[in-house]
Structures are given as C-alpha cells and as structure tokens.
Amino acid sequence: MDLRAQGEILNQALPYIQQFHGQTFVIKYGGSAMRDPTAMNGVIRNVLLLQLVGIRPVLVHGGGPEIDRWIERMGGKKVVLNGLRVTDDDTMEIVEMALAGRANKSLVAEVHRAGGKGIGLSGRDGALFIGEPISEALGRAGRIIQVNTEVVQLATNAGFVPIVCSVAADAEGGALNVNADTAAAALASALGAAKLILLTDTDGVYANPTDRSTLLGRITPAEVQALISSGKADGGMVPKLEAGLQALNDGVDGIHLVNGGYPNALLLEVFTDQGIGTMIVRG
C-alpha cells in the first residue's frame, strides 16, 4: 500500500472517530483466535488505539482450546451436548482455572506490554454475571440472567481496559461456565454499547460457506435468520449470529463478525467505509 492509500484510510477514520468518541465497544476475542501470539499482540494494539481516540473498549474472552488442553492434561475427556460443553464439578474447576487464570492474565499482560492498563475480571467479580444452569444434563454450563455493570464502569472510568472471562455466578455464588459469545452480547446490551465486535477465526458470514467469494459485508436480521433456518450458516458461526441478534434486539447499534487473525482487523472494520468482515444491520 502506498502512502496515499494509507492517508486515505486515515482520512476515512475521522468521521468514525468523531461518531464513536465516548462510546463503548464490547469486543469478544475467541479462544481459537487467541492461539497466535503475533495476532494477539496486534489485536491488543488495536484495542489500545481505540481507547486512545476516546472509545471505551471492553474485552470479553473465551478459551476453549486452553480448557481442552488442561482437561487432557488432567486425564479427562471433553463431552459436548447440543454444541455445549458438559461441565461437571471437576470440569468447572478446570474451566475457571483456564479462563480466569491463564487465558485472562495472558491478555492482561499483553495490554501492559503494549503500554496500556488492563484489569482482569471474572464474571463472578462484583457479581458481574449472575446466571443459572441451562439443564441438569449440562451440569455447570449456564446462561446469564442478570448483568451488574458497576465493576466494568469503574474500570473504564479509571482508564483501564476491562478483560472479562465468561464465568458467571449462580444464586449461591458457585461458578457457571457460560458461552463467551452470549456473555459478550449480554454485557454489550447492559452497557448500552455502540458496537459488539465478535473476533473469530473466519472472515465473517458467507452466503455459501463452501464458497469464500460469497462473504457478506452487510446482512439484516431477517437474512441471518434465513441462513440459520436453511442450514447454510456455518455451524460454528450459529451461536455468534444468535448472540449478535440478541444484542441487536437489546439496543446495541452494530454487530460485527471479523477475523481476529487478520492484521489490524478491528481498525479496518470500524474506521473504514468498506470494512473487512460482516456487519449485522437493522432493516
């Protein structure tokens, strides 16, 4: 890219920076997209640049691969039911250790290495996420029924980037394993976020998942529902699309699905006219 093209990108960014100054972006960083240290560094630098221009970024993360690795090391076996991890008490201990410990603190450390201020939070901290078990068969796998945003707002007001792992507390204070996409959507809704950005390991939503030339830059809720109902939506993308639709219904203005491994994906999606991923828009 020559200097003129770079200059045009910077010029395109100005109205978006003005529009979103002071607004909250909730960014979900997927477990699979977190495995590349170079990509992680790039994502964190993008997050800190968003903060520098006046946006309030909040990072929510999963950590499926990290959980799988620790379960295997402990001699256990991953069990999935209807696309969700069956989480008995022993597995829940591993989930919380992997998410609130290793995965969360590696992201906090990356923020500090890049010159920012990060603070790691579990959904149990400050009663941020209150949940309930989904079913007896799924054990400690849960859904969020209440979000208390005080601890996140205190952190952002103090200039920190909150980094939240997707563990919730039940009515007795016990831990629940919550899908990170739905946790990010619930937090974005509760914070009144301008955007929910789901970083994943694919480029976005395709009209035909087997044809990479069919990437959809913009898509409406009705079109999302049609893709899901017809079975054309990639299986791993369905929970993200459903979480995005819920956040859109709850008042979040823009939902973006972006490849977190693409260099500067956040900046290109948010600050350029064309973007590089898929945006779900109303009507």
C-alpha atoms as a PDB file:
ATOM      1  CA  MET A   1       0.000   0.000   0.000  1.00  0.00           C
ATOM      2  CA  ASP A   2       1.434   3.378  -0.977  1.00  0.00           C
ATOM      3  CA  LEU A   3       1.411   6.421   1.291  1.00  0.00           C
ATOM      4  CA  ARG A   4      -1.575   7.979  -0.475  1.00  0.00           C
ATOM      5  CA  ALA A   5      -3.680   4.895   0.164  1.00  0.00           C
ATOM      6  CA  GLN A   6      -2.620   4.875   3.811  1.00  0.00           C
ATOM      7  CA  GLY A   7      -3.513   8.537   4.028  1.00  0.00           C
ATOM      8  CA  GLU A   8      -6.975   7.850   2.594  1.00  0.00           C
ATOM      9  CA  ILE A   9      -7.606   5.206   5.257  1.00  0.00           C
ATOM     10  CA  LEU A  10      -6.650   7.692   7.960  1.00  0.00           C
ATOM     11  CA  ASN A  11      -8.925  10.278   6.351  1.00  0.00           C
ATOM     12  CA  GLN A  12     -11.828   7.797   6.308  1.00  0.00           C
ATOM     13  CA  ALA A  13     -11.297   7.182  10.021  1.00  0.00           C
ATOM     14  CA  LEU A  14     -12.017  10.772  11.106  1.00  0.00           C
ATOM     15  CA  PRO A  15     -15.849  10.749  10.980  1.00  0.00           C
ATOM     16  CA  TYR A  16     -15.982   7.367  12.675  1.00  0.00           C
ATOM     17  CA  ILE A  17     -13.689   8.560  15.469  1.00  0.00           C
ATOM     18  CA  GLN A  18     -15.916  11.603  15.911  1.00  0.00           C
ATOM     19  CA  GLN A  19     -19.077   9.483  15.878  1.00  0.00           C
ATOM     20  CA  PHE A  20     -17.910   6.917  18.413  1.00  0.00           C
ATOM     21  CA  HIS A  21     -15.920   9.129  20.780  1.00  0.00           C
ATOM     22  CA  GLY A  22     -17.066   8.313  24.327  1.00  0.00           C
ATOM     23  CA  GLN A  23     -18.986   5.218  23.185  1.00  0.00           C
ATOM     24  CA  THR A  24     -18.436   1.684  24.479  1.00  0.00           C
ATOM     25  CA  PHE A  25     -17.329  -1.178  22.242  1.00  0.00           C
ATOM     26  CA  VAL A  26     -17.548  -4.727  23.591  1.00  0.00           C
ATOM     27  CA  ILE A  27     -15.048  -6.947  21.793  1.00  0.00           C
ATOM     28  CA  LYS A  28     -15.263 -10.707  22.115  1.00  0.00           C
ATOM     29  CA  TYR A  29     -11.933 -12.392  21.485  1.00  0.00           C
ATOM     30  CA  GLY A  30     -12.440 -16.058  20.617  1.00  0.00           C
ATOM     31  CA  GLY A  31     -10.425 -18.887  22.100  1.00  0.00           C
ATOM     32  CA  SER A  32      -9.310 -20.174  18.700  1.00  0.00           C
ATOM     33  CA  ALA A  33      -8.245 -16.692  17.577  1.00  0.00           C
ATOM     34  CA  MET A  34      -6.098 -16.288  20.710  1.00  0.00           C
ATOM     35  CA  ARG A  35      -3.621 -19.061  19.871  1.00  0.00           C
ATOM     36  CA  ASP A  36      -1.306 -16.933  17.687  1.00  0.00           C
ATOM     37  CA  PRO A  37       0.861 -14.637  19.883  1.00  0.00           C
ATOM     38  CA  THR A  38       1.575 -12.266  16.983  1.00  0.00           C
ATOM     39  CA  ALA A  39      -2.132 -11.929  16.186  1.00  0.00           C
ATOM     40  CA  MET A  40      -2.897 -11.400  19.881  1.00  0.00           C
ATOM     41  CA  ASN A  41      -0.379  -8.578  20.050  1.00  0.00           C
ATOM     42  CA  GLY A  42      -1.988  -6.972  17.003  1.00  0.00           C
ATOM     43  CA  VAL A  43      -5.485  -7.214  18.479  1.00  0.00           C
ATOM     44  CA  ILE A  44      -4.383  -5.666  21.764  1.00  0.00           C
ATOM     45  CA  ARG A  45      -2.612  -2.798  19.981  1.00  0.00           C
ATOM     46  CA  ASN A  46      -5.824  -2.141  18.021  1.00  0.00           C
ATOM     47  CA  VAL A  47      -7.829  -2.165  21.260  1.00  0.00           C
ATOM     48  CA  LEU A  48      -5.475   0.352  22.843  1.00  0.00           C
ATOM     49  CA  LEU A  49      -5.667   2.600  19.784  1.00  0.00           C
ATOM     50  CA  LEU A  50      -9.472   2.558  20.069  1.00  0.00           C
ATOM     51  CA  GLN A  51      -9.084   3.666  23.675  1.00  0.00           C
ATOM     52  CA  LEU A  52      -6.583   6.375  22.741  1.00  0.00           C
ATOM     53  CA  VAL A  53      -9.067   8.042  20.337  1.00  0.00           C
ATOM     54  CA  GLY A  54     -11.772   8.174  23.007  1.00  0.00           C
ATOM     55  CA  ILE A  55     -13.617   4.865  22.618  1.00  0.00           C
ATOM     56  CA  ARG A  56     -14.216   2.734  25.725  1.00  0.00           C
ATOM     57  CA  PRO A  57     -13.232  -0.833  24.803  1.00  0.00           C
ATOM     58  CA  VAL A  58     -14.239  -3.832  26.933  1.00  0.00           C
ATOM     59  CA  LEU A  59     -12.727  -7.205  26.064  1.00  0.00           C
ATOM     60  CA  VAL A  60     -14.615 -10.460  26.722  1.00  0.00           C
ATOM     61  CA  HIS A  61     -12.829 -13.730  26.065  1.00  0.00           C
ATOM     62  CA  GLY A  62     -13.357 -17.444  25.949  1.00  0.00           C
ATOM     63  CA  GLY A  63     -10.687 -20.087  25.897  1.00  0.00           C
ATOM     64  CA  GLY A  64     -11.996 -23.372  24.556  1.00  0.00           C
ATOM     65  CA  PRO A  65      -8.620 -24.658  23.306  1.00  0.00           C
ATOM     66  CA  GLU A  66      -6.967 -23.786  26.628  1.00  0.00           C
ATOM     67  CA  ILE A  67      -9.714 -25.625  28.529  1.00  0.00           C
ATOM     68  CA  ASP A  68      -9.388 -28.651  26.244  1.00  0.00           C
ATOM     69  CA  ARG A  69      -5.643 -28.739  26.800  1.00  0.00           C
ATOM     70  CA  TRP A  70      -5.962 -28.722  30.569  1.00  0.00           C
ATOM     71  CA  ILE A  71      -8.739 -31.316  30.584  1.00  0.00           C
ATOM     72  CA  GLU A  72      -6.486 -33.599  28.537  1.00  0.00           C
ATOM     73  CA  ARG A  73      -3.537 -32.958  30.866  1.00  0.00           C
ATOM     74  CA  MET A  74      -5.734 -33.865  33.836  1.00  0.00           C
ATOM     75  CA  GLY A  75      -6.711 -37.133  32.157  1.00  0.00           C
ATOM     76  CA  GLY A  76     -10.258 -36.069  31.404  1.00  0.00           C
ATOM     77  CA  LYS A  77     -12.291 -36.039  28.200  1.00  0.00           C
ATOM     78  CA  LYS A  78     -14.284 -33.293  26.528  1.00  0.00           C
ATOM     79  CA  VAL A  79     -18.011 -34.061  26.357  1.00  0.00           C
ATOM     80  CA  VAL A  80     -20.361 -31.949  24.215  1.00  0.00           C
ATOM     81  CA  LEU A  81     -24.152 -31.964  24.159  1.00  0.00           C
ATOM     82  CA  ASN A  82     -26.078 -29.876  21.613  1.00  0.00           C
ATOM     83  CA  GLY A  83     -22.951 -27.867  20.903  1.00  0.00           C
ATOM     84  CA  LEU A  84     -22.309 -27.003  24.582  1.00  0.00           C
ATOM     85  CA  ARG A  85     -19.638 -28.370  26.896  1.00  0.00           C
ATOM     86  CA  VAL A  86     -20.983 -30.717  29.552  1.00  0.00           C
ATOM     87  CA  THR A  87     -19.497 -29.208  32.710  1.00  0.00           C
ATOM     88  CA  ASP A  88     -19.453 -31.350  35.835  1.00  0.00           C
ATOM     89  CA  ASP A  89     -17.926 -30.008  39.058  1.00  0.00           C
ATOM     90  CA  ASP A  90     -14.407 -31.219  38.219  1.00  0.00           C
ATOM     91  CA  THR A  91     -14.598 -29.756  34.720  1.00  0.00           C
ATOM     92  CA  MET A  92     -15.871 -26.454  36.124  1.00  0.00           C
ATOM     93  CA  GLU A  93     -12.742 -26.179  38.270  1.00  0.00           C
ATOM     94  CA  ILE A  94     -10.607 -26.637  35.153  1.00  0.00           C
ATOM     95  CA  VAL A  95     -12.712 -24.143  33.164  1.00  0.00           C
ATOM     96  CA  GLU A  96     -12.345 -21.450  35.814  1.00  0.00           C
ATOM     97  CA  MET A  97      -8.629 -22.129  36.217  1.00  0.00           C
ATOM     98  CA  ALA A  98      -8.039 -21.906  32.465  1.00  0.00           C
ATOM     99  CA  LEU A  99     -10.220 -18.850  31.824  1.00  0.00           C
ATOM    100  CA  ALA A 100      -9.868 -16.701  34.948  1.00  0.00           C
ATOM    101  CA  GLY A 101      -6.242 -17.744  35.342  1.00  0.00           C
ATOM    102  CA  ARG A 102      -4.025 -18.441  32.385  1.00  0.00           C
ATOM    103  CA  ALA A 103      -6.091 -17.041  29.482  1.00  0.00           C
ATOM    104  CA  ASN A 104      -7.222 -13.891  31.288  1.00  0.00           C
ATOM    105  CA  LYS A 105      -3.846 -12.992  32.717  1.00  0.00           C
ATOM    106  CA  SER A 106      -2.059 -13.539  29.402  1.00  0.00           C
ATOM    107  CA  LEU A 107      -4.330 -10.887  27.855  1.00  0.00           C
ATOM    108  CA  VAL A 108      -3.780  -8.523  30.781  1.00  0.00           C
ATOM    109  CA  ALA A 109      -0.017  -8.968  30.405  1.00  0.00           C
ATOM    110  CA  GLU A 110      -0.261  -8.258  26.666  1.00  0.00           C
ATOM    111  CA  VAL A 111      -2.090  -4.986  27.357  1.00  0.00           C
ATOM    112  CA  HIS A 112       0.652  -3.934  29.761  1.00  0.00           C
ATOM    113  CA  ARG A 113       3.406  -4.905  27.308  1.00  0.00           C
ATOM    114  CA  ALA A 114       1.741  -2.681  24.701  1.00  0.00           C
ATOM    115  CA  GLY A 115       1.739   0.286  27.081  1.00  0.00           C
ATOM    116  CA  GLY A 116      -1.860   0.141  28.282  1.00  0.00           C
ATOM    117  CA  LYS A 117      -3.627  -0.540  31.567  1.00  0.00           C
ATOM    118  CA  GLY A 118      -5.563  -3.802  31.682  1.00  0.00           C
ATOM    119  CA  ILE A 119      -7.549  -5.296  34.527  1.00  0.00           C
ATOM    120  CA  GLY A 120      -8.648  -8.911  34.528  1.00  0.00           C
ATOM    121  CA  LEU A 121     -12.149  -9.764  35.708  1.00  0.00           C
ATOM    122  CA  SER A 122     -14.159 -12.917  36.091  1.00  0.00           C
ATOM    123  CA  GLY A 123     -17.901 -12.722  35.642  1.00  0.00           C
ATOM    124  CA  ARG A 124     -18.059 -13.626  39.340  1.00  0.00           C
ATOM    125  CA  ASP A 125     -16.182 -10.441  40.320  1.00  0.00           C
ATOM    126  CA  GLY A 126     -18.548  -7.767  41.569  1.00  0.00           C
ATOM    127  CA  ALA A 127     -21.452 -10.093  40.699  1.00  0.00           C
ATOM    128  CA  LEU A 128     -20.888  -9.013  37.095  1.00  0.00           C
ATOM    129  CA  PHE A 129     -22.648 -12.050  35.598  1.00  0.00           C
ATOM    130  CA  ILE A 130     -25.422 -13.798  37.512  1.00  0.00           C
ATOM    131  CA  GLY A 131     -26.581 -16.975  35.835  1.00  0.00           C
ATOM    132  CA  GLU A 132     -28.470 -20.221  36.149  1.00  0.00           C
ATOM    133  CA  PRO A 133     -27.771 -23.755  34.911  1.00  0.00           C
ATOM    134  CA  ILE A 134     -29.154 -24.488  31.458  1.00  0.00           C
ATOM    135  CA  SER A 135     -30.127 -28.060  32.234  1.00  0.00           C
ATOM    136  CA  GLU A 136     -29.271 -30.889  34.583  1.00  0.00           C
ATOM    137  CA  ALA A 137     -27.638 -32.793  31.728  1.00  0.00           C
ATOM    138  CA  LEU A 138     -25.175 -29.931  31.073  1.00  0.00           C
ATOM    139  CA  GLY A 139     -24.159 -29.608  34.723  1.00  0.00           C
ATOM    140  CA  ARG A 140     -22.436 -26.281  35.456  1.00  0.00           C
ATOM    141  CA  ALA A 141     -22.994 -24.904  31.945  1.00  0.00           C
ATOM    142  CA  GLY A 142     -25.098 -21.802  32.427  1.00  0.00           C
ATOM    143  CA  ARG A 143     -26.947 -18.875  30.909  1.00  0.00           C
ATOM    144  CA  ILE A 144     -26.773 -15.267  32.091  1.00  0.00           C
ATOM    145  CA  ILE A 145     -29.912 -13.848  33.672  1.00  0.00           C
ATOM    146  CA  GLN A 146     -28.527 -10.612  35.159  1.00  0.00           C
ATOM    147  CA  VAL A 147     -25.604  -8.282  34.446  1.00  0.00           C
ATOM    148  CA  ASN A 148     -24.281  -5.814  37.027  1.00  0.00           C
ATOM    149  CA  THR A 149     -22.005  -3.407  35.167  1.00  0.00           C
ATOM    150  CA  GLU A 150     -20.656  -1.367  38.097  1.00  0.00           C
ATOM    151  CA  VAL A 151     -17.230  -3.016  38.242  1.00  0.00           C
ATOM    152  CA  VAL A 152     -16.722  -2.624  34.469  1.00  0.00           C
ATOM    153  CA  GLN A 153     -17.767   1.019  34.511  1.00  0.00           C
ATOM    154  CA  LEU A 154     -15.450   1.757  37.434  1.00  0.00           C
ATOM    155  CA  ALA A 155     -12.575   0.222  35.475  1.00  0.00           C
ATOM    156  CA  THR A 156     -13.241   2.095  32.226  1.00  0.00           C
ATOM    157  CA  ASN A 157     -13.771   5.383  34.077  1.00  0.00           C
ATOM    158  CA  ALA A 158     -10.334   4.902  35.645  1.00  0.00           C
ATOM    159  CA  GLY A 159      -8.695   4.369  32.245  1.00  0.00           C
ATOM    160  CA  PHE A 160      -8.403   0.585  32.399  1.00  0.00           C
ATOM    161  CA  VAL A 161      -9.347  -1.878  29.666  1.00  0.00           C
ATOM    162  CA  PRO A 162     -11.555  -4.462  31.418  1.00  0.00           C
ATOM    163  CA  ILE A 163     -10.744  -8.012  30.300  1.00  0.00           C
ATOM    164  CA  VAL A 164     -13.632 -10.290  31.268  1.00  0.00           C
ATOM    165  CA  CYS A 165     -13.712 -14.087  31.161  1.00  0.00           C
ATOM    166  CA  SER A 166     -17.007 -15.865  30.591  1.00  0.00           C
ATOM    167  CA  VAL A 167     -17.601 -17.372  34.031  1.00  0.00           C
ATOM    168  CA  ALA A 168     -20.808 -16.462  35.895  1.00  0.00           C
ATOM    169  CA  ALA A 169     -22.036 -16.919  39.462  1.00  0.00           C
ATOM    170  CA  ASP A 170     -25.201 -18.803  40.322  1.00  0.00           C
ATOM    171  CA  ALA A 171     -27.636 -17.781  43.085  1.00  0.00           C
ATOM    172  CA  GLU A 172     -25.392 -19.405  45.716  1.00  0.00           C
ATOM    173  CA  GLY A 173     -22.204 -17.843  44.345  1.00  0.00           C
ATOM    174  CA  GLY A 174     -20.986 -21.008  42.642  1.00  0.00           C
ATOM    175  CA  ALA A 175     -19.269 -20.883  39.250  1.00  0.00           C
ATOM    176  CA  LEU A 176     -21.033 -21.447  35.924  1.00  0.00           C
ATOM    177  CA  ASN A 177     -19.442 -21.970  32.514  1.00  0.00           C
ATOM    178  CA  VAL A 178     -21.035 -19.520  30.051  1.00  0.00           C
ATOM    179  CA  ASN A 179     -20.618 -19.297  26.281  1.00  0.00           C
ATOM    180  CA  ALA A 180     -18.353 -16.309  25.624  1.00  0.00           C
ATOM    181  CA  ASP A 181     -20.388 -15.037  22.651  1.00  0.00           C
ATOM    182  CA  THR A 182     -23.578 -14.847  24.723  1.00  0.00           C
ATOM    183  CA  ALA A 183     -21.657 -13.323  27.642  1.00  0.00           C
ATOM    184  CA  ALA A 184     -20.280 -10.587  25.374  1.00  0.00           C
ATOM    185  CA  ALA A 185     -23.743  -9.925  23.939  1.00  0.00           C
ATOM    186  CA  ALA A 186     -25.286  -9.680  27.410  1.00  0.00           C
ATOM    187  CA  LEU A 187     -22.560  -7.292  28.586  1.00  0.00           C
ATOM    188  CA  ALA A 188     -22.836  -5.134  25.453  1.00  0.00           C
ATOM    189  CA  SER A 189     -26.585  -4.844  25.977  1.00  0.00           C
ATOM    190  CA  ALA A 190     -26.257  -3.963  29.666  1.00  0.00           C
ATOM    191  CA  LEU A 191     -23.586  -1.323  28.974  1.00  0.00           C
ATOM    192  CA  GLY A 192     -25.570   0.255  26.134  1.00  0.00           C
ATOM    193  CA  ALA A 193     -22.610  -0.379  23.843  1.00  0.00           C
ATOM    194  CA  ALA A 194     -22.479   1.174  20.386  1.00  0.00           C
ATOM    195  CA  LYS A 195     -20.905  -1.967  18.960  1.00  0.00           C
ATOM    196  CA  LEU A 196     -20.457  -5.648  19.696  1.00  0.00           C
ATOM    197  CA  ILE A 197     -17.489  -7.000  17.750  1.00  0.00           C
ATOM    198  CA  LEU A 198     -17.049 -10.768  17.630  1.00  0.00           C
ATOM    199  CA  LEU A 199     -13.499 -11.686  16.655  1.00  0.00           C
ATOM    200  CA  THR A 200     -13.266 -15.208  15.335  1.00  0.00           C
ATOM    201  CA  ASP A 201     -11.068 -17.317  13.065  1.00  0.00           C
ATOM    202  CA  THR A 202     -13.161 -16.835   9.914  1.00  0.00           C
ATOM    203  CA  ASP A 203     -13.590 -13.734   7.760  1.00  0.00           C
ATOM    204  CA  GLY A 204     -17.291 -13.284   8.510  1.00  0.00           C
ATOM    205  CA  VAL A 205     -20.611 -14.649   7.277  1.00  0.00           C
ATOM    206  CA  TYR A 206     -20.854 -16.324   3.878  1.00  0.00           C
ATOM    207  CA  ALA A 207     -23.946 -16.780   1.724  1.00  0.00           C
ATOM    208  CA  ASN A 208     -22.398 -20.163   0.896  1.00  0.00           C
ATOM    209  CA  PRO A 209     -19.853 -21.400   3.499  1.00  0.00           C
ATOM    210  CA  THR A 210     -18.106 -23.551   0.889  1.00  0.00           C
ATOM    211  CA  ASP A 211     -17.530 -20.563  -1.425  1.00  0.00           C
ATOM    212  CA  ARG A 212     -15.164 -17.965   0.033  1.00  0.00           C
ATOM    213  CA  SER A 213     -16.167 -15.444  -2.634  1.00  0.00           C
ATOM    214  CA  THR A 214     -19.635 -15.081  -1.042  1.00  0.00           C
ATOM    215  CA  LEU A 215     -18.596 -13.079   2.040  1.00  0.00           C
ATOM    216  CA  LEU A 216     -21.436 -10.786   3.077  1.00  0.00           C
ATOM    217  CA  GLY A 217     -20.315  -7.282   4.065  1.00  0.00           C
ATOM    218  CA  ARG A 218     -23.731  -6.374   5.468  1.00  0.00           C
ATOM    219  CA  ILE A 219     -26.642  -8.562   6.465  1.00  0.00           C
ATOM    220  CA  THR A 220     -30.030  -7.929   8.069  1.00  0.00           C
ATOM    221  CA  PRO A 221     -31.559  -9.903  10.968  1.00  0.00           C
ATOM    222  CA  ALA A 222     -34.076 -11.442   8.564  1.00  0.00           C
ATOM    223  CA  GLU A 223     -31.250 -12.634   6.321  1.00  0.00           C
ATOM    224  CA  VAL A 224     -29.409 -14.043   9.343  1.00  0.00           C
ATOM    225  CA  GLN A 225     -32.491 -15.987  10.399  1.00  0.00           C
ATOM    226  CA  ALA A 226     -32.893 -17.316   6.870  1.00  0.00           C
ATOM    227  CA  LEU A 227     -29.285 -18.559   6.818  1.00  0.00           C
ATOM    228  CA  ILE A 228     -29.715 -20.280  10.173  1.00  0.00           C
ATOM    229  CA  SER A 229     -33.084 -21.833   9.288  1.00  0.00           C
ATOM    230  CA  SER A 230     -31.841 -23.121   5.935  1.00  0.00           C
ATOM    231  CA  GLY A 231     -28.726 -24.663   7.468  1.00  0.00           C
ATOM    232  CA  LYS A 232     -26.478 -22.513   5.252  1.00  0.00           C
ATOM    233  CA  ALA A 233     -24.806 -20.804   8.217  1.00  0.00           C
ATOM    234  CA  ASP A 234     -21.543 -22.456   9.211  1.00  0.00           C
ATOM    235  CA  GLY A 235     -22.159 -24.493  12.387  1.00  0.00           C
ATOM    236  CA  GLY A 236     -19.566 -22.666  14.470  1.00  0.00           C
ATOM    237  CA  MET A 237     -20.992 -19.318  13.382  1.00  0.00           C
ATOM    238  CA  VAL A 238     -24.572 -20.002  14.544  1.00  0.00           C
ATOM    239  CA  PRO A 239     -24.007 -19.180  18.271  1.00  0.00           C
ATOM    240  CA  LYS A 240     -22.278 -15.950  17.255  1.00  0.00           C
ATOM    241  CA  LEU A 241     -25.115 -14.961  14.932  1.00  0.00           C
ATOM    242  CA  GLU A 242     -27.714 -15.732  17.599  1.00  0.00           C
ATOM    243  CA  ALA A 243     -25.774 -13.726  20.185  1.00  0.00           C
ATOM    244  CA  GLY A 244     -25.497 -10.852  17.725  1.00  0.00           C
ATOM    245  CA  LEU A 245     -29.221 -10.869  17.018  1.00  0.00           C
ATOM    246  CA  GLN A 246     -29.989 -10.805  20.734  1.00  0.00           C
ATOM    247  CA  ALA A 247     -27.682  -7.830  21.282  1.00  0.00           C
ATOM    248  CA  LEU A 248     -29.214  -6.014  18.303  1.00  0.00           C
ATOM    249  CA  ASN A 249     -32.702  -6.615  19.732  1.00  0.00           C
ATOM    250  CA  ASP A 250     -31.489  -5.270  23.072  1.00  0.00           C
ATOM    251  CA  GLY A 251     -30.386  -1.969  21.532  1.00  0.00           C
ATOM    252  CA  VAL A 252     -26.743  -2.438  20.517  1.00  0.00           C
ATOM    253  CA  ASP A 253     -26.357  -0.417  17.323  1.00  0.00           C
ATOM    254  CA  GLY A 254     -23.888  -2.509  15.318  1.00  0.00           C
ATOM    255  CA  ILE A 255     -22.812  -6.153  15.378  1.00  0.00           C
ATOM    256  CA  HIS A 256     -19.587  -7.109  13.593  1.00  0.00           C
ATOM    257  CA  LEU A 257     -18.105 -10.531  12.877  1.00  0.00           C
ATOM    258  CA  VAL A 258     -14.442 -10.207  11.955  1.00  0.00           C
ATOM    259  CA  ASN A 259     -11.400 -12.457  11.515  1.00  0.00           C
ATOM    260  CA  GLY A 260      -9.272 -11.766  14.585  1.00  0.00           C
ATOM    261  CA  GLY A 261      -6.198 -13.155  12.865  1.00  0.00           C
ATOM    262  CA  TYR A 262      -6.268 -10.541  10.090  1.00  0.00           C
ATOM    263  CA  PRO A 263      -3.764  -7.708  10.708  1.00  0.00           C
ATOM    264  CA  ASN A 264      -5.469  -4.592  12.089  1.00  0.00           C
ATOM    265  CA  ALA A 265      -8.884  -6.187  11.618  1.00  0.00           C
ATOM    266  CA  LEU A 266     -10.530  -4.056  14.311  1.00  0.00           C
ATOM    267  CA  LEU A 267      -9.328  -0.776  12.856  1.00  0.00           C
ATOM    268  CA  LEU A 268     -10.199  -1.702   9.271  1.00  0.00           C
ATOM    269  CA  GLU A 269     -13.691  -2.857  10.233  1.00  0.00           C
ATOM    270  CA  VAL A 270     -14.551   0.137  12.418  1.00  0.00           C
ATOM    271  CA  PHE A 271     -12.728   3.021  10.747  1.00  0.00           C
ATOM    272  CA  THR A 272     -13.077   2.376   7.004  1.00  0.00           C
ATOM    273  CA  ASP A 273     -16.120   2.707   4.764  1.00  0.00           C
ATOM    274  CA  GLN A 274     -15.924  -0.797   3.343  1.00  0.00           C
ATOM    275  CA  GLY A 275     -14.783  -2.782   6.388  1.00  0.00           C
ATOM    276  CA  ILE A 276     -13.413  -6.312   6.114  1.00  0.00           C
ATOM    277  CA  GLY A 277     -15.925  -8.511   7.934  1.00  0.00           C
ATOM    278  CA  THR A 278     -19.689  -8.820   8.233  1.00  0.00           C
ATOM    279  CA  MET A 279     -21.920  -6.249   9.908  1.00  0.00           C
ATOM    280  CA  ILE A 280     -25.448  -7.099  11.016  1.00  0.00           C
ATOM    281  CA  VAL A 281     -27.624  -4.025  10.476  1.00  0.00           C
ATOM    282  CA  ARG A 282     -31.250  -3.279  11.229  1.00  0.00           C
ATOM    283  CA  GLY A 283     -33.601  -3.368   8.248  1.00  0.00           C
END
